[in-house]
Structure formats: structure tokens, C-alpha cells
N, C-alpha and C. Protein backbone atom coordinates (compact mmCIF):
# COMPACT_ATOMS: atom_id res chain seq x y z
N UNK A 1 87.01 70.07 106.96
CA UNK A 1 87.23 70.40 105.75
C UNK A 1 87.57 71.75 105.71
N UNK A 2 88.59 72.39 105.13
CA UNK A 2 88.92 73.77 104.94
C UNK A 2 88.52 74.36 104.02
N UNK A 3 88.12 75.31 103.75
CA UNK A 3 87.82 76.69 102.50
C UNK A 3 88.54 77.61 102.55
N UNK A 4 89.12 77.67 101.30
CA UNK A 4 89.88 78.66 100.70
C UNK A 4 89.18 80.14 100.53
N UNK A 5 89.27 81.50 100.71
CA UNK A 5 88.35 82.35 100.26
C UNK A 5 89.46 83.49 99.48
N UNK A 6 89.29 83.83 98.48
CA UNK A 6 89.56 84.68 97.44
C UNK A 6 89.82 86.10 98.44
N UNK A 7 88.86 86.50 98.93
CA UNK A 7 89.16 87.80 100.08
C UNK A 7 89.58 87.61 101.01
N UNK A 8 90.63 86.37 101.25
CA UNK A 8 91.09 86.14 102.69
C UNK A 8 92.12 87.51 103.05
N UNK A 9 92.27 87.92 104.09
CA UNK A 9 93.16 89.05 104.36
C UNK A 9 94.77 88.60 104.95
N UNK A 10 95.54 89.23 104.47
CA UNK A 10 96.75 88.63 105.08
C UNK A 10 96.79 88.61 106.44
N UNK A 11 97.81 87.76 107.02
CA UNK A 11 97.96 87.35 108.34
C UNK A 11 99.57 87.60 108.62
N UNK A 12 99.89 88.20 109.97
CA UNK A 12 101.36 88.32 110.24
C UNK A 12 101.87 87.03 109.93
N UNK A 13 101.52 85.54 109.91
CA UNK A 13 101.84 83.94 109.57
C UNK A 13 102.22 84.58 107.98
N UNK A 14 101.47 84.82 107.37
CA UNK A 14 101.45 85.26 105.70
C UNK A 14 102.93 86.18 105.53
N UNK A 15 103.24 86.53 106.01
CA UNK A 15 104.40 87.76 105.75
C UNK A 15 105.94 86.91 106.01
N UNK A 16 106.86 87.26 104.69
CA UNK A 16 108.17 87.13 105.11
C UNK A 16 108.89 88.00 105.72
N UNK A 17 109.93 87.72 106.23
CA UNK A 17 111.03 88.67 106.74
C UNK A 17 112.49 88.25 106.59
N UNK A 18 113.21 89.06 106.46
CA UNK A 18 114.66 89.17 106.22
C UNK A 18 114.98 90.33 107.10
N UNK A 19 116.27 89.98 108.23
CA UNK A 19 116.94 90.63 109.03
C UNK A 19 118.53 91.17 108.73
N UNK A 20 118.67 92.04 108.94
CA UNK A 20 120.19 92.33 109.10
C UNK A 20 121.08 90.86 109.36
N UNK A 21 121.13 90.18 110.65
CA UNK A 21 121.88 89.03 110.88
C UNK A 21 121.87 87.89 110.01
N UNK A 22 120.41 88.19 109.29
CA UNK A 22 120.30 86.79 108.06
C UNK A 22 121.55 87.22 106.83
N UNK A 23 121.16 88.52 106.70
CA UNK A 23 121.95 89.00 105.38
C UNK A 23 123.57 88.86 105.62
N UNK A 24 123.76 89.39 107.17
CA UNK A 24 125.29 89.10 107.04
C UNK A 24 125.87 87.83 107.19
N UNK A 25 125.01 86.76 107.70
CA UNK A 25 125.33 85.45 107.80
C UNK A 25 125.53 84.97 106.48
N UNK A 26 124.48 85.57 105.68
CA UNK A 26 124.77 85.02 104.04
C UNK A 26 126.04 85.76 103.25
N UNK A 27 126.24 86.60 104.16
CA UNK A 27 127.94 87.53 103.16
C UNK A 27 127.47 88.43 102.33
N UNK A 28 126.29 88.89 102.74
CA UNK A 28 125.71 90.06 101.88
C UNK A 28 126.65 91.32 101.92
N UNK A 29 126.92 91.59 102.96
CA UNK A 29 127.63 92.70 103.65
C UNK A 29 129.52 92.68 103.01
N UNK A 30 129.72 92.30 102.01
CA UNK A 30 131.18 92.45 101.85
C UNK A 30 131.44 93.27 100.28
N UNK A 31 130.64 94.56 99.84
CA UNK A 31 130.96 95.31 99.38
C UNK A 31 129.78 95.64 98.20
N UNK A 32 129.87 94.84 97.36
CA UNK A 32 128.16 94.77 96.40
C UNK A 32 127.95 93.50 96.37
N UNK A 33 127.08 92.70 96.58
CA UNK A 33 126.57 91.86 96.53
C UNK A 33 124.96 91.79 96.01
N UNK A 34 124.72 90.80 94.78
CA UNK A 34 123.37 90.37 94.70
C UNK A 34 122.94 89.08 94.58
N UNK A 35 121.93 88.67 95.36
CA UNK A 35 121.33 87.34 95.35
C UNK A 35 119.59 87.35 95.57
N UNK A 36 119.29 86.15 95.38
CA UNK A 36 117.97 85.86 95.46
C UNK A 36 117.61 84.97 96.69
N UNK A 37 116.65 85.21 97.49
CA UNK A 37 116.14 84.56 98.46
C UNK A 37 114.63 83.78 98.28
N UNK A 38 114.44 82.45 98.25
CA UNK A 38 113.22 81.87 98.13
C UNK A 38 112.64 81.28 99.58
N UNK A 39 111.54 81.34 99.72
CA UNK A 39 110.50 80.31 100.60
C UNK A 39 109.87 79.27 99.90
N UNK A 40 110.17 78.00 100.59
CA UNK A 40 109.25 76.81 100.18
C UNK A 40 108.49 76.22 100.95
N UNK A 41 107.17 75.44 100.34
CA UNK A 41 106.73 74.65 101.38
C UNK A 41 106.89 73.39 100.93
N UNK A 42 107.50 72.82 101.62
CA UNK A 42 107.85 71.43 100.98
C UNK A 42 108.55 71.34 99.58
N UNK A 43 108.36 70.92 98.67
CA UNK A 43 109.17 71.00 97.31
C UNK A 43 108.57 72.50 96.55
N UNK A 44 107.53 73.01 96.50
CA UNK A 44 107.28 73.54 95.96
C UNK A 44 107.61 75.27 96.59
N UNK A 45 108.39 75.97 95.84
CA UNK A 45 108.58 77.53 95.89
C UNK A 45 107.14 78.41 96.43
N UNK A 46 107.30 79.30 97.42
CA UNK A 46 106.11 79.53 97.54
C UNK A 46 106.18 81.46 97.71
N UNK A 47 107.59 81.66 97.39
CA UNK A 47 107.89 83.02 97.59
C UNK A 47 109.47 83.52 97.27
N UNK A 48 109.73 84.68 96.28
CA UNK A 48 111.20 84.74 96.03
C UNK A 48 111.53 86.30 96.14
N UNK A 49 112.27 86.97 96.36
CA UNK A 49 112.93 88.30 96.56
C UNK A 49 114.08 88.52 96.07
N UNK A 50 114.46 89.35 95.27
CA UNK A 50 116.24 89.63 94.51
C UNK A 50 116.55 90.85 95.86
N UNK A 51 117.64 90.61 96.37
CA UNK A 51 118.20 91.51 97.19
C UNK A 51 119.65 91.56 96.52
N UNK A 52 119.93 92.96 96.40
CA UNK A 52 121.40 93.85 96.30
C UNK A 52 121.36 94.71 97.53
N UNK A 53 122.81 94.44 98.07
CA UNK A 53 123.49 95.21 99.16
C UNK A 53 124.67 95.65 98.58
N UNK A 54 124.87 97.04 98.89
CA UNK A 54 126.05 97.72 98.38
C UNK A 54 126.45 98.53 99.92
N UNK A 55 127.75 98.36 100.25
CA UNK A 55 128.35 98.86 101.14
C UNK A 55 129.85 99.72 100.56
N UNK A 56 129.83 99.93 99.42
CA UNK A 56 131.02 100.07 98.96
C UNK A 56 131.57 101.68 99.08
N UNK A 57 130.39 102.50 99.07
CA UNK A 57 130.54 104.02 99.52
C UNK A 57 129.94 104.38 100.76
N UNK A 58 129.80 105.91 100.87
CA UNK A 58 129.31 106.25 102.38
C UNK A 58 127.61 106.16 102.26
N UNK A 59 126.96 105.87 101.24
CA UNK A 59 125.76 105.98 100.60
C UNK A 59 125.08 104.49 100.70
N UNK A 60 125.58 103.67 101.44
CA UNK A 60 125.34 102.12 101.79
C UNK A 60 124.06 101.81 101.52
N UNK A 61 123.13 100.49 100.95
CA UNK A 61 122.12 100.39 100.95
C UNK A 61 121.45 99.07 100.28
N UNK A 62 120.32 98.65 100.94
CA UNK A 62 119.96 97.14 100.78
C UNK A 62 118.91 97.34 99.56
N UNK A 63 118.65 96.72 98.32
CA UNK A 63 117.67 97.22 97.68
C UNK A 63 116.67 95.83 97.37
N UNK A 64 115.46 95.70 97.35
CA UNK A 64 114.70 94.89 97.25
C UNK A 64 113.91 94.27 95.77
N UNK A 65 114.08 93.65 95.12
CA UNK A 65 112.93 93.38 94.20
C UNK A 65 111.91 92.40 94.36
N UNK A 66 110.65 92.48 94.06
CA UNK A 66 109.64 91.40 94.00
C UNK A 66 108.63 91.65 93.53
N UNK A 67 107.64 90.95 93.14
CA UNK A 67 106.28 91.07 92.54
C UNK A 67 105.18 90.68 93.41
N UNK A 68 104.29 91.35 93.52
CA UNK A 68 103.09 90.83 94.71
C UNK A 68 101.96 90.59 93.64
N UNK A 69 101.10 90.07 93.85
CA UNK A 69 100.04 89.48 92.91
C UNK A 69 98.82 89.80 93.80
N UNK A 70 97.93 90.59 93.24
CA UNK A 70 96.46 90.99 94.38
C UNK A 70 95.68 89.70 93.87
N UNK A 71 94.93 89.43 95.29
CA UNK A 71 94.39 88.04 94.79
C UNK A 71 93.28 87.94 94.55
N UNK A 72 92.37 88.92 94.57
CA UNK A 72 91.17 88.90 93.85
C UNK A 72 91.49 89.14 92.54
N UNK A 73 92.06 90.20 92.03
CA UNK A 73 92.10 90.34 90.56
C UNK A 73 93.22 89.92 89.55
N UNK A 74 94.60 89.33 90.42
CA UNK A 74 95.23 88.77 89.56
C UNK A 74 96.30 89.74 89.39
N UNK A 75 96.01 90.51 89.41
CA UNK A 75 97.12 91.82 88.73
C UNK A 75 98.41 91.82 89.65
N UNK A 76 99.35 92.10 88.82
CA UNK A 76 100.81 92.02 89.32
C UNK A 76 101.20 93.34 89.56
N UNK A 77 101.99 93.57 90.40
CA UNK A 77 102.63 94.68 90.94
C UNK A 77 104.27 94.86 91.31
N UNK A 78 105.24 95.24 90.14
CA UNK A 78 106.57 94.99 90.62
C UNK A 78 107.13 95.90 91.39
N UNK A 79 107.99 95.66 92.35
CA UNK A 79 108.25 96.31 93.57
C UNK A 79 109.86 96.72 93.23
N UNK A 80 110.49 97.85 93.69
CA UNK A 80 111.64 97.99 93.65
C UNK A 80 111.87 98.85 94.99
N UNK A 81 112.45 98.42 95.98
CA UNK A 81 112.48 99.06 97.40
C UNK A 81 113.90 99.05 97.66
N UNK A 82 114.29 100.41 98.09
CA UNK A 82 115.55 100.90 98.27
C UNK A 82 115.56 101.63 99.56
N UNK A 83 116.22 100.65 100.66
CA UNK A 83 116.67 101.12 101.88
C UNK A 83 117.99 101.79 102.12
N UNK A 84 118.24 102.97 102.50
CA UNK A 84 119.42 103.19 103.07
C UNK A 84 119.70 102.83 104.26
N UNK A 85 121.46 102.21 104.24
CA UNK A 85 122.05 102.18 105.45
C UNK A 85 122.73 103.19 105.87
N UNK A 86 122.73 102.85 107.46
CA UNK A 86 123.84 103.83 108.38
C UNK A 86 124.73 102.92 108.97
N UNK A 87 126.31 103.19 108.18
CA UNK A 87 127.23 102.13 108.41
C UNK A 87 127.97 102.57 109.58
N UNK A 88 128.01 102.63 110.90
CA UNK A 88 128.82 103.13 111.69
C UNK A 88 130.11 102.90 111.45
N UNK A 89 130.82 104.21 112.14
CA UNK A 89 132.27 104.43 111.84
C UNK A 89 133.04 103.49 112.76
N UNK A 90 134.05 102.98 112.58
CA UNK A 90 135.07 102.52 113.54
C UNK A 90 135.32 103.17 114.61
N UNK A 91 135.37 102.59 115.85
CA UNK A 91 135.24 103.55 117.11
C UNK A 91 137.01 103.77 117.14
N UNK A 92 136.94 105.07 117.99
CA UNK A 92 138.10 106.01 117.63
C UNK A 92 138.90 105.35 118.92
N UNK A 93 140.56 104.94 118.77
CA UNK A 93 141.40 104.47 119.74
C UNK A 93 141.71 105.37 120.65
């Protein structure tokens, strides 16, 4: 019989990840696009994140919007995390 502890520490297995190849496969690098990615366990959604990708200008970025909930207090924190992209220039001929 397993037990759940409220003070349980997060493990690597608890973390979600999103990579550039996944975003490219999903068509995010086509100018300016917004989308939502969800993770499920069976029929139940267990996590989601909003993603905005913009490569219209020289200052390309990926922006992540998500909410985290502290396990012991239930306090929610809204996160808005922006990552700058370095877009390589086309190779000179």
C-alpha cells in the first residue's frame, strides 16, 4: 500500500519538458504563434502550459505561461517566463 506525503520533494520524473524539436514539429516557428500544451495521465489532465513563439523580428522569443501550486499551502503562483532566441543567419554562398 503506497502513501502520499504532502511534503514530498519533486523528482526529475515529476518534471515536464519541452524542446525546440518538439515546438518545431508542432509548427510554432512560423512567425508568431500561440498554443497550449497539456500532459495527461489516462483521461485526466495533470499539467498544461501556454506557449507563445515569435520569430517575426530580430528579437525572437519563446514565452511560457503557467501556474504552479505549492503542495503544502495550496498557494498559487502565476509564472510568465520569456526566453530570447538566437536565430542563425542563412549561410552565405
